[in-house]
Every structure is written in structure tokens, then in C-alpha cells.
Protein backbone atom coordinates (compact mmCIF):
# COMPACT_ATOMS: atom_id res chain seq x y z
CA MET A 1 142.62 118.85 46.35
CA SER A 2 140.08 121.15 44.77
CA ASP A 3 140.89 124.67 43.65
CA PRO A 4 139.24 127.13 46.23
CA ILE A 5 138.21 129.38 43.34
CA THR A 6 136.46 126.66 41.45
CA ALA A 7 134.84 125.51 44.77
CA PHE A 8 133.60 128.89 45.52
CA PHE A 9 131.74 129.32 42.14
CA GLU A 10 130.43 125.72 42.38
CA GLN A 11 129.00 126.64 45.76
CA LEU A 12 127.26 129.64 44.39
CA ALA A 13 125.80 127.42 41.49
CA ALA A 14 124.53 125.04 43.90
CA GLY A 15 122.62 127.44 45.80
CA GLY A 16 124.89 128.26 48.64
CA CYS A 17 123.58 131.92 48.87
CA GLY A 18 119.93 131.94 47.23
CA ARG A 19 118.51 133.70 50.32
CA LEU A 20 120.90 136.49 49.99
CA LEU A 21 120.21 137.06 46.25
CA ARG A 22 116.50 136.64 46.35
CA LYS A 23 115.76 140.23 45.19
CA THR A 24 118.65 140.51 42.78
CA GLY A 25 118.88 140.13 38.97
CA GLY A 26 121.76 140.72 36.57
CA THR A 27 125.04 139.22 35.34
CA VAL A 28 128.55 139.61 36.53
CA ARG A 29 131.84 138.52 34.73
CA PHE A 30 134.96 137.96 36.59
CA GLU A 31 138.23 138.28 34.81
CA LEU A 32 141.01 136.94 36.92
CA THR A 33 144.54 137.18 35.63
CA GLY A 34 147.30 134.76 36.68
CA ASP A 35 150.37 132.95 35.58
CA ASP A 36 148.15 130.65 33.34
CA GLY A 37 146.57 133.63 31.63
CA LEU A 38 142.97 134.90 31.96
CA ASP A 39 140.36 133.03 33.93
CA LEU A 40 136.77 134.04 33.20
CA TRP A 41 133.67 133.24 35.32
CA HIS A 42 130.17 134.40 34.36
CA LEU A 43 127.24 134.66 36.81
CA THR A 44 123.82 134.96 35.78
CA ILE A 45 121.67 135.91 39.08
CA SER A 46 117.87 135.57 38.98
CA GLU A 47 115.40 135.41 41.86
CA GLY A 48 117.93 133.75 44.12
CA ARG A 49 119.41 131.32 41.68
CA VAL A 50 122.92 131.55 40.25
CA GLU A 51 124.06 130.03 37.10
CA VAL A 52 127.81 129.87 36.55
CA SER A 53 129.76 129.48 33.26
CA ARG A 54 133.19 130.05 31.96
CA GLU A 55 131.90 131.85 28.91
CA ALA A 56 133.10 135.36 27.79
CA ARG A 57 129.64 136.88 27.59
CA ASP A 58 128.49 140.47 28.15
CA ALA A 59 127.71 141.31 31.70
CA ASP A 60 126.20 144.24 33.87
CA ALA A 61 129.21 144.30 35.70
CA VAL A 62 132.74 143.12 35.06
CA ILE A 63 135.19 142.60 38.00
CA HIS A 64 139.00 142.52 37.26
CA THR A 65 141.61 141.47 39.59
CA ASP A 66 144.42 138.90 39.86
CA ARG A 67 143.80 135.32 40.81
CA ALA A 68 145.87 135.48 43.96
CA PHE A 69 143.87 138.50 45.33
CA PHE A 70 140.48 136.79 44.47
CA LEU A 71 141.64 133.81 46.40
CA ARG A 72 142.15 136.17 49.32
CA MET A 73 138.56 137.33 48.99
CA VAL A 74 137.34 133.73 48.82
CA ARG A 75 139.04 133.00 52.12
CA GLY A 76 137.51 135.98 53.76
CA GLU A 77 140.94 137.83 54.09
CA ALA A 78 139.82 140.70 51.92
CA LYS A 79 136.62 142.43 51.42
CA PRO A 80 135.33 143.43 47.99
CA LEU A 81 134.41 147.09 48.87
CA THR A 82 137.77 147.91 50.54
CA ALA A 83 139.54 146.11 47.55
CA TRP A 84 137.82 148.39 45.18
CA LEU A 85 138.82 151.57 47.13
CA ARG A 86 142.36 150.30 47.23
CA ASN A 87 142.27 149.39 43.54
CA ASP A 88 142.90 145.68 44.31
CA ILE A 89 139.85 145.04 42.14
CA ILE A 90 138.48 147.14 39.26
CA ALA A 91 134.85 147.21 38.49
CA GLU A 92 133.13 148.29 35.15
CA GLY A 93 129.42 148.55 34.85
CA GLN A 94 126.79 148.67 37.43
CA PHE A 95 128.49 149.25 40.81
CA ARG A 96 125.63 147.61 42.80
CA PHE A 97 127.30 144.39 42.00
CA VAL A 98 130.28 145.38 43.96
CA VAL A 99 128.17 145.87 46.98
CA LEU A 100 126.48 142.74 46.22
CA LEU A 101 129.82 140.86 46.38
CA GLU A 102 130.12 141.78 50.12
CA ARG A 103 127.38 139.16 50.74
CA LEU A 104 128.85 136.36 48.48
CA PHE A 105 132.30 136.09 50.20
CA ALA A 106 133.19 134.44 53.37
CA ALA A 107 133.36 136.50 56.69
CA PRO A 108 136.79 137.52 57.76
CA PRO A 109 138.76 134.93 59.86
CA PRO A 110 138.52 135.40 63.55
CA VAL A 111 141.28 137.26 65.39
CA THR A 112 143.07 135.12 67.66
CA ARG A 113 144.83 136.32 70.72
CA GLN A 114 146.92 134.81 73.30
CA PRO A 115 144.66 134.38 76.41
CA ARG A 116 147.39 135.56 78.69
CA ALA A 117 147.64 138.82 76.61
CA VAL A 118 143.92 139.40 76.97
CA ALA A 119 143.37 138.50 80.78
CA GLY A 120 146.87 139.22 81.95
CA ASP A 121 149.39 136.55 83.16
CA GLY A 122 148.43 136.83 86.81
CA ARG A 123 151.60 138.73 87.75
CA GLU A 124 151.75 142.17 89.20
CA ARG A 125 153.91 144.71 87.28
CA ALA A 126 156.14 147.21 89.02
């Protein structure tokens, strides 16, 4: 089974969000800490294209978080802006890239509810 974080970055490189990044240019480096040490991902964004590398290069913005939390963002369970407000991610450099991240990550999973709780179970209550 493929690593979801690797799959996320591969999807970005394959053009999975070109329309969202059409007017954006710059570089972002993600530094993800985990049990295996530091994972580096470097994005170069230009006219809707994204190049992904694993090199430790200078970037316009650097995003620091742990691997487990980044995985939550990939799954849509956490949003970058609220994560930044709670210090779950730390951003250095140009803040506009933190705002941009909102467009790159999956939408939150739908809230499921028990149909009987929403519609009532049909019984009268006293």
C-alpha cells in the first residue's frame, strides 16, 4: 500500500491542482518530523505547474509539523489555517503560502448522522 503523504505529493506533481495554482508562483518546503527522522518535500510552483523534490533547498515558505499531523491534513481531517492558529503547524517566510495550502488539501470528510436521530424515530415522546 502506498504512503498517503507520498501519494499526495505525487498527485500535486502530476497536475492534480493546476487550475487552483494558475496565478501562483514560488517555493514551499515541508519539514515533517517523525520516528524515522526528518522528511523533506520541496515544491516549486509556477503558472499552475508543481515540481516536487526531496531536496533541502531554500524556499519562500517553510512549513514545520509532525508527520502524523500532516497525514491528518492530507486526509482532510485538519485544515492548514486552523492548524497554524493552534500551532499544529509552524510557518516561516511568506504567509500567503499557508493560505494557499487550504486549496491543496482534501475537503473535510462528510459528517454522518444516524437517520433516525435527524428525522426522529417516529415515536411520540411524553
